[in-house]
Amino acid sequence: MYYALIGDLIGSKKLNAEQRHEAQEKLRAALELVNREFEKGVASKFLITIGDECQGLMEPWGDPVAAALLVIHEMRPYRIRFAIGAGEISTAIDPAAAIGADGPAYHLARRRVESMKSDHVARLRVALGDAALEESLNTVLALCDRVANYRTDKQEKLCFQMLMASFFGRKLTQTTLAERNGIGQSTVNAQLNAAGSSEHCDGMLFVRDSLSKYMNGRA
């Protein structure tokens, strides 16, 4: 069992040549960052594939939610959607590049990312062999997307730092966050509350933990 991730740049056809180049360079840099930061959990390195898509393969102990959210964050102001498919890989796996491999995990991710194109707010969805769990997790993700969709750049930056700290068990107080960003603690508190940071963080942690339990139960 593996996690197959497929990302798709949103609205790429509307970008001019300069914007498209910038977006692809940002995407390339974001994928390189994921390959470094999540090295132990990456089964096959993330890379740009056809057009404005990217993909990668992660081990069952990997952290696909954090990896996808990191790329989504790094791509701002450009938008990208990700689908995570959990399943088997039926071909050989090349650790150096997630290309050429195939199997149910990729098929699930492909179908899900295609279905996301009708919802311009959708940023992250999962595709599993358990229909009930898949629906439950995607409902949570849809709510998280709508909470995050209305954030300002400043709110997104603060919320992302809090989310990553929660993901990796790092204690990050609002005072520390304020010092790190050169603003007052009261401003941090106001921005996090206005952006629904706590609720969004709880939702993402629920999805992440549920995926981990699902994979551990099937490994």
C-alpha atoms as a PDB file:
ATOM      1  CA  MET A   1       0.000   0.000   0.000  1.00  0.00           C
ATOM      2  CA  TYR A   2       1.203   3.456  -0.948  1.00  0.00           C
ATOM      3  CA  TYR A   3      -0.025   7.028  -1.136  1.00  0.00           C
ATOM      4  CA  ALA A   4      -0.083   8.351  -4.692  1.00  0.00           C
ATOM      5  CA  LEU A   5      -0.373  12.132  -4.902  1.00  0.00           C
ATOM      6  CA  ILE A   6      -1.370  13.998  -8.038  1.00  0.00           C
ATOM      7  CA  GLY A   7      -1.357  17.794  -8.154  1.00  0.00           C
ATOM      8  CA  ASP A   8      -2.930  20.006 -10.794  1.00  0.00           C
ATOM      9  CA  LEU A   9      -2.258  23.732 -11.244  1.00  0.00           C
ATOM     10  CA  ILE A  10      -5.582  25.603 -11.263  1.00  0.00           C
ATOM     11  CA  GLY A  11      -6.336  28.081 -14.026  1.00  0.00           C
ATOM     12  CA  SER A  12      -3.035  27.481 -15.804  1.00  0.00           C
ATOM     13  CA  LYS A  13      -4.555  28.104 -19.238  1.00  0.00           C
ATOM     14  CA  LYS A  14      -5.349  31.687 -18.205  1.00  0.00           C
ATOM     15  CA  LEU A  15      -1.743  32.475 -17.304  1.00  0.00           C
ATOM     16  CA  ASN A  16       0.455  34.415 -19.680  1.00  0.00           C
ATOM     17  CA  ALA A  17       3.906  33.102 -20.622  1.00  0.00           C
ATOM     18  CA  GLU A  18       5.677  34.960 -17.814  1.00  0.00           C
ATOM     19  CA  GLN A  19       3.182  33.822 -15.177  1.00  0.00           C
ATOM     20  CA  ARG A  20       3.288  30.223 -16.400  1.00  0.00           C
ATOM     21  CA  HIS A  21       7.074  30.194 -16.152  1.00  0.00           C
ATOM     22  CA  GLU A  22       6.946  31.653 -12.654  1.00  0.00           C
ATOM     23  CA  ALA A  23       4.294  29.146 -11.555  1.00  0.00           C
ATOM     24  CA  GLN A  24       6.276  26.195 -12.871  1.00  0.00           C
ATOM     25  CA  GLU A  25       9.453  27.406 -11.188  1.00  0.00           C
ATOM     26  CA  LYS A  26       7.569  27.804  -7.896  1.00  0.00           C
ATOM     27  CA  LEU A  27       6.123  24.319  -8.320  1.00  0.00           C
ATOM     28  CA  ARG A  28       9.537  22.821  -9.070  1.00  0.00           C
ATOM     29  CA  ALA A  29      10.994  24.482  -5.959  1.00  0.00           C
ATOM     30  CA  ALA A  30       8.057  23.340  -3.802  1.00  0.00           C
ATOM     31  CA  LEU A  31       8.414  19.732  -4.953  1.00  0.00           C
ATOM     32  CA  GLU A  32      12.149  19.785  -4.258  1.00  0.00           C
ATOM     33  CA  LEU A  33      11.338  21.078  -0.766  1.00  0.00           C
ATOM     34  CA  VAL A  34       8.895  18.206  -0.196  1.00  0.00           C
ATOM     35  CA  ASN A  35      11.453  15.665  -1.405  1.00  0.00           C
ATOM     36  CA  ARG A  36      13.935  17.032   1.141  1.00  0.00           C
ATOM     37  CA  GLU A  37      11.629  17.602   4.096  1.00  0.00           C
ATOM     38  CA  PHE A  38       9.772  14.293   3.749  1.00  0.00           C
ATOM     39  CA  GLU A  39      12.673  12.223   2.413  1.00  0.00           C
ATOM     40  CA  LYS A  40      12.112   9.225   4.707  1.00  0.00           C
ATOM     41  CA  GLY A  41       8.469   8.957   3.679  1.00  0.00           C
ATOM     42  CA  VAL A  42       8.936   9.486  -0.062  1.00  0.00           C
ATOM     43  CA  ALA A  43       8.914   6.224  -2.015  1.00  0.00           C
ATOM     44  CA  SER A  44       9.341   7.932  -5.386  1.00  0.00           C
ATOM     45  CA  LYS A  45      10.335  11.570  -5.700  1.00  0.00           C
ATOM     46  CA  PHE A  46       7.801  14.256  -6.578  1.00  0.00           C
ATOM     47  CA  LEU A  47       8.229  15.864  -9.974  1.00  0.00           C
ATOM     48  CA  ILE A  48       6.387  17.851 -12.621  1.00  0.00           C
ATOM     49  CA  THR A  49       4.806  15.552 -15.209  1.00  0.00           C
ATOM     50  CA  ILE A  50       2.642  16.450 -18.201  1.00  0.00           C
ATOM     51  CA  GLY A  51       1.448  20.016 -18.651  1.00  0.00           C
ATOM     52  CA  ASP A  52       0.863  21.648 -15.297  1.00  0.00           C
ATOM     53  CA  GLU A  53       0.600  18.509 -13.206  1.00  0.00           C
ATOM     54  CA  CYS A  54       2.873  16.890 -10.675  1.00  0.00           C
ATOM     55  CA  GLN A  55       2.926  13.619  -8.828  1.00  0.00           C
ATOM     56  CA  GLY A  56       4.764  11.698  -6.155  1.00  0.00           C
ATOM     57  CA  LEU A  57       4.574   8.435  -4.260  1.00  0.00           C
ATOM     58  CA  MET A  58       4.800   8.100  -0.482  1.00  0.00           C
ATOM     59  CA  GLU A  59       5.333   5.150   1.814  1.00  0.00           C
ATOM     60  CA  PRO A  60       2.456   3.995   4.066  1.00  0.00           C
ATOM     61  CA  TRP A  61       4.219   5.686   6.997  1.00  0.00           C
ATOM     62  CA  GLY A  62       4.614   8.914   5.031  1.00  0.00           C
ATOM     63  CA  ASP A  63       2.707  12.134   5.612  1.00  0.00           C
ATOM     64  CA  PRO A  64       0.835  12.937   2.372  1.00  0.00           C
ATOM     65  CA  VAL A  65      -1.452  15.537   3.948  1.00  0.00           C
ATOM     66  CA  ALA A  66       1.453  17.630   5.237  1.00  0.00           C
ATOM     67  CA  ALA A  67       3.328  17.187   1.935  1.00  0.00           C
ATOM     68  CA  ALA A  68       0.356  18.348  -0.141  1.00  0.00           C
ATOM     69  CA  LEU A  69      -0.367  21.289   2.158  1.00  0.00           C
ATOM     70  CA  LEU A  70       3.257  22.382   1.966  1.00  0.00           C
ATOM     71  CA  VAL A  71       3.087  22.559  -1.841  1.00  0.00           C
ATOM     72  CA  ILE A  72      -0.279  24.339  -1.737  1.00  0.00           C
ATOM     73  CA  HIS A  73       1.191  26.926   0.648  1.00  0.00           C
ATOM     74  CA  GLU A  74       4.435  27.392  -1.276  1.00  0.00           C
ATOM     75  CA  MET A  75       2.553  27.924  -4.543  1.00  0.00           C
ATOM     76  CA  ARG A  76       0.693  31.035  -3.402  1.00  0.00           C
ATOM     77  CA  PRO A  77      -0.494  33.235  -5.077  1.00  0.00           C
ATOM     78  CA  TYR A  78      -0.938  30.475  -7.665  1.00  0.00           C
ATOM     79  CA  ARG A  79      -3.448  27.774  -6.813  1.00  0.00           C
ATOM     80  CA  ILE A  80      -3.018  24.030  -7.000  1.00  0.00           C
ATOM     81  CA  ARG A  81      -5.281  21.094  -6.133  1.00  0.00           C
ATOM     82  CA  PHE A  82      -4.106  17.720  -4.801  1.00  0.00           C
ATOM     83  CA  ALA A  83      -5.652  14.268  -4.650  1.00  0.00           C
ATOM     84  CA  ILE A  84      -4.259  11.524  -2.429  1.00  0.00           C
ATOM     85  CA  GLY A  85      -4.956   7.961  -3.551  1.00  0.00           C
ATOM     86  CA  ALA A  86      -4.271   5.136  -1.078  1.00  0.00           C
ATOM     87  CA  GLY A  87      -3.748   1.714  -2.625  1.00  0.00           C
ATOM     88  CA  GLU A  88      -1.403  -0.747  -4.249  1.00  0.00           C
ATOM     89  CA  ILE A  89       1.241  -0.084  -6.905  1.00  0.00           C
ATOM     90  CA  SER A  90       1.407  -2.857  -9.497  1.00  0.00           C
ATOM     91  CA  THR A  91       4.608  -1.854 -11.313  1.00  0.00           C
ATOM     92  CA  ALA A  92       8.226  -1.311 -10.385  1.00  0.00           C
ATOM     93  CA  ILE A  93       8.926   1.846  -8.357  1.00  0.00           C
ATOM     94  CA  ASP A  94      11.772   4.187  -9.245  1.00  0.00           C
ATOM     95  CA  PRO A  95      12.839   6.039  -6.080  1.00  0.00           C
ATOM     96  CA  ALA A  96      14.424   8.796  -8.177  1.00  0.00           C
ATOM     97  CA  ALA A  97      11.263   9.896  -9.983  1.00  0.00           C
ATOM     98  CA  ALA A  98       7.532   9.220  -9.642  1.00  0.00           C
ATOM     99  CA  ILE A  99       6.962   8.473 -13.291  1.00  0.00           C
ATOM    100  CA  GLY A 100       6.194   5.214 -15.081  1.00  0.00           C
ATOM    101  CA  ALA A 101       4.676   3.532 -12.028  1.00  0.00           C
ATOM    102  CA  ASP A 102       1.033   2.466 -12.128  1.00  0.00           C
ATOM    103  CA  GLY A 103      -1.598   0.776 -10.039  1.00  0.00           C
ATOM    104  CA  PRO A 104      -4.814   1.323  -8.038  1.00  0.00           C
ATOM    105  CA  ALA A 105      -3.289   4.097  -5.896  1.00  0.00           C
ATOM    106  CA  TYR A 106      -2.646   6.250  -8.969  1.00  0.00           C
ATOM    107  CA  HIS A 107      -5.996   5.333 -10.536  1.00  0.00           C
ATOM    108  CA  LEU A 108      -7.814   6.475  -7.405  1.00  0.00           C
ATOM    109  CA  ALA A 109      -5.847   9.723  -7.251  1.00  0.00           C
ATOM    110  CA  ARG A 110      -6.427  10.415 -10.951  1.00  0.00           C
ATOM    111  CA  ARG A 111     -10.192   9.958 -10.729  1.00  0.00           C
ATOM    112  CA  ARG A 112     -10.367  12.146  -7.654  1.00  0.00           C
ATOM    113  CA  VAL A 113      -8.300  15.023  -9.047  1.00  0.00           C
ATOM    114  CA  GLU A 114     -10.428  15.017 -12.202  1.00  0.00           C
ATOM    115  CA  SER A 115     -13.609  15.213 -10.112  1.00  0.00           C
ATOM    116  CA  MET A 116     -12.191  18.203  -8.216  1.00  0.00           C
ATOM    117  CA  LYS A 117     -12.065  20.350 -11.350  1.00  0.00           C
ATOM    118  CA  SER A 118     -15.757  21.225 -11.030  1.00  0.00           C
ATOM    119  CA  ASP A 119     -15.138  22.768  -7.584  1.00  0.00           C
ATOM    120  CA  HIS A 120     -12.750  25.726  -7.816  1.00  0.00           C
ATOM    121  CA  VAL A 121     -12.412  25.926  -4.028  1.00  0.00           C
ATOM    122  CA  ALA A 122     -11.296  22.294  -3.666  1.00  0.00           C
ATOM    123  CA  ARG A 123      -7.632  22.025  -2.741  1.00  0.00           C
ATOM    124  CA  LEU A 124      -7.188  18.596  -1.153  1.00  0.00           C
ATOM    125  CA  ARG A 125      -9.200  15.377  -1.381  1.00  0.00           C
ATOM    126  CA  VAL A 126      -8.578  11.679  -0.742  1.00  0.00           C
ATOM    127  CA  ALA A 127      -9.536   8.512  -2.626  1.00  0.00           C
ATOM    128  CA  LEU A 128      -9.661   5.224  -0.719  1.00  0.00           C
ATOM    129  CA  GLY A 129     -10.901   1.669  -0.972  1.00  0.00           C
ATOM    130  CA  ASP A 130     -13.349   2.448   1.839  1.00  0.00           C
ATOM    131  CA  ALA A 131     -16.228   4.521   0.420  1.00  0.00           C
ATOM    132  CA  ALA A 132     -17.702   5.520   3.791  1.00  0.00           C
ATOM    133  CA  LEU A 133     -14.375   6.715   5.198  1.00  0.00           C
ATOM    134  CA  GLU A 134     -13.535   8.491   1.943  1.00  0.00           C
ATOM    135  CA  GLU A 135     -16.799  10.432   2.054  1.00  0.00           C
ATOM    136  CA  SER A 136     -16.275  11.353   5.697  1.00  0.00           C
ATOM    137  CA  LEU A 137     -12.733  12.620   5.174  1.00  0.00           C
ATOM    138  CA  ASN A 138     -13.619  14.533   2.017  1.00  0.00           C
ATOM    139  CA  THR A 139     -16.477  16.245   3.825  1.00  0.00           C
ATOM    140  CA  VAL A 140     -14.022  17.457   6.456  1.00  0.00           C
ATOM    141  CA  LEU A 141     -11.554  18.536   3.765  1.00  0.00           C
ATOM    142  CA  ALA A 142     -14.263  20.446   1.895  1.00  0.00           C
ATOM    143  CA  LEU A 143     -15.094  22.384   5.056  1.00  0.00           C
ATOM    144  CA  CYS A 144     -11.394  23.075   5.661  1.00  0.00           C
ATOM    145  CA  ASP A 145     -11.032  24.351   2.098  1.00  0.00           C
ATOM    146  CA  ARG A 146     -13.856  26.801   2.563  1.00  0.00           C
ATOM    147  CA  VAL A 147     -12.433  28.074   5.826  1.00  0.00           C
ATOM    148  CA  ALA A 148      -9.011  28.618   4.225  1.00  0.00           C
ATOM    149  CA  ASN A 149     -10.374  30.089   0.995  1.00  0.00           C
ATOM    150  CA  TYR A 150     -11.135  33.485   2.546  1.00  0.00           C
ATOM    151  CA  ARG A 151      -7.850  34.024   4.343  1.00  0.00           C
ATOM    152  CA  THR A 152      -5.600  36.967   3.673  1.00  0.00           C
ATOM    153  CA  ASP A 153      -1.927  36.327   2.911  1.00  0.00           C
ATOM    154  CA  LYS A 154      -1.014  37.363   6.446  1.00  0.00           C
ATOM    155  CA  GLN A 155      -3.574  34.988   7.952  1.00  0.00           C
ATOM    156  CA  GLU A 156      -2.440  32.134   5.714  1.00  0.00           C
ATOM    157  CA  LYS A 157       1.185  32.589   6.762  1.00  0.00           C
ATOM    158  CA  LEU A 158       0.332  32.498  10.472  1.00  0.00           C
ATOM    159  CA  CYS A 159      -2.130  29.617  10.169  1.00  0.00           C
ATOM    160  CA  PHE A 160       0.296  27.514   8.157  1.00  0.00           C
ATOM    161  CA  GLN A 161       3.015  27.909  10.780  1.00  0.00           C
ATOM    162  CA  MET A 162       0.580  26.847  13.516  1.00  0.00           C
ATOM    163  CA  LEU A 163      -0.638  23.889  11.453  1.00  0.00           C
ATOM    164  CA  MET A 164       2.848  22.552  10.721  1.00  0.00           C
ATOM    165  CA  ALA A 165       3.794  22.926  14.377  1.00  0.00           C
ATOM    166  CA  SER A 166       0.737  20.863  15.340  1.00  0.00           C
ATOM    167  CA  PHE A 167       1.498  18.248  12.702  1.00  0.00           C
ATOM    168  CA  PHE A 168       5.018  17.663  13.949  1.00  0.00           C
ATOM    169  CA  GLY A 169       4.392  18.017  17.664  1.00  0.00           C
ATOM    170  CA  ARG A 170       6.264  21.282  18.077  1.00  0.00           C
ATOM    171  CA  LYS A 171       5.034  23.646  20.755  1.00  0.00           C
ATOM    172  CA  LEU A 172       4.389  27.022  19.148  1.00  0.00           C
ATOM    173  CA  THR A 173       2.764  29.666  21.318  1.00  0.00           C
ATOM    174  CA  GLN A 174       1.139  32.794  19.979  1.00  0.00           C
ATOM    175  CA  THR A 175       3.857  34.814  21.707  1.00  0.00           C
ATOM    176  CA  THR A 176       6.577  32.908  19.841  1.00  0.00           C
ATOM    177  CA  LEU A 177       4.639  33.211  16.602  1.00  0.00           C
ATOM    178  CA  ALA A 178       4.307  36.965  17.141  1.00  0.00           C
ATOM    179  CA  GLU A 179       8.045  37.354  17.751  1.00  0.00           C
ATOM    180  CA  ARG A 180       8.871  35.249  14.708  1.00  0.00           C
ATOM    181  CA  ASN A 181       6.719  37.433  12.471  1.00  0.00           C
ATOM    182  CA  GLY A 182       7.516  40.794  14.039  1.00  0.00           C
ATOM    183  CA  ILE A 183       3.961  41.575  15.176  1.00  0.00           C
ATOM    184  CA  GLY A 184       2.088  41.780  18.474  1.00  0.00           C
ATOM    185  CA  GLN A 185       0.552  38.795  20.236  1.00  0.00           C
ATOM    186  CA  SER A 186      -2.881  40.419  20.179  1.00  0.00           C
ATOM    187  CA  THR A 187      -2.615  40.756  16.384  1.00  0.00           C
ATOM    188  CA  VAL A 188      -1.693  37.070  16.064  1.00  0.00           C
ATOM    189  CA  ASN A 189      -4.636  36.083  18.238  1.00  0.00           C
ATOM    190  CA  ALA A 190      -7.045  38.214  16.208  1.00  0.00           C
ATOM    191  CA  GLN A 191      -5.732  36.944  12.875  1.00  0.00           C
ATOM    192  CA  LEU A 192      -5.837  33.272  13.898  1.00  0.00           C
ATOM    193  CA  ASN A 193      -9.362  33.578  15.252  1.00  0.00           C
ATOM    194  CA  ALA A 194     -10.619  35.418  12.169  1.00  0.00           C
ATOM    195  CA  ALA A 195      -9.063  32.751   9.917  1.00  0.00           C
ATOM    196  CA  GLY A 196     -10.592  29.805  11.800  1.00  0.00           C
ATOM    197  CA  SER A 197      -7.114  28.437  12.490  1.00  0.00           C
ATOM    198  CA  SER A 198      -8.071  26.150  15.372  1.00  0.00           C
ATOM    199  CA  GLU A 199     -10.993  24.536  13.539  1.00  0.00           C
ATOM    200  CA  HIS A 200      -8.987  24.135  10.332  1.00  0.00           C
ATOM    201  CA  CYS A 201      -6.090  22.605  12.224  1.00  0.00           C
ATOM    202  CA  ASP A 202      -8.370  20.128  14.036  1.00  0.00           C
ATOM    203  CA  GLY A 203      -9.931  19.085  10.736  1.00  0.00           C
ATOM    204  CA  MET A 204      -6.598  18.502   9.008  1.00  0.00           C
ATOM    205  CA  LEU A 205      -5.232  16.571  11.976  1.00  0.00           C
ATOM    206  CA  PHE A 206      -8.352  14.377  11.930  1.00  0.00           C
ATOM    207  CA  VAL A 207      -7.876  13.594   8.228  1.00  0.00           C
ATOM    208  CA  ARG A 208      -4.166  12.943   8.671  1.00  0.00           C
ATOM    209  CA  ASP A 209      -4.672  10.599  11.653  1.00  0.00           C
ATOM    210  CA  SER A 210      -7.561   8.789   9.949  1.00  0.00           C
ATOM    211  CA  LEU A 211      -5.453   8.141   6.844  1.00  0.00           C
ATOM    212  CA  SER A 212      -2.634   6.785   8.983  1.00  0.00           C
ATOM    213  CA  LYS A 213      -4.996   4.395  10.799  1.00  0.00           C
ATOM    214  CA  TYR A 214      -6.487   3.300   7.485  1.00  0.00           C
ATOM    215  CA  MET A 215      -3.076   2.467   6.039  1.00  0.00           C
ATOM    216  CA  ASN A 216      -1.860   0.740   9.214  1.00  0.00           C
ATOM    217  CA  GLY A 217      -4.944  -1.431   9.189  1.00  0.00           C
ATOM    218  CA  ARG A 218      -4.278  -2.547   5.643  1.00  0.00           C
ATOM    219  CA  ALA A 219      -0.491  -2.808   5.606  1.00  0.00           C
END
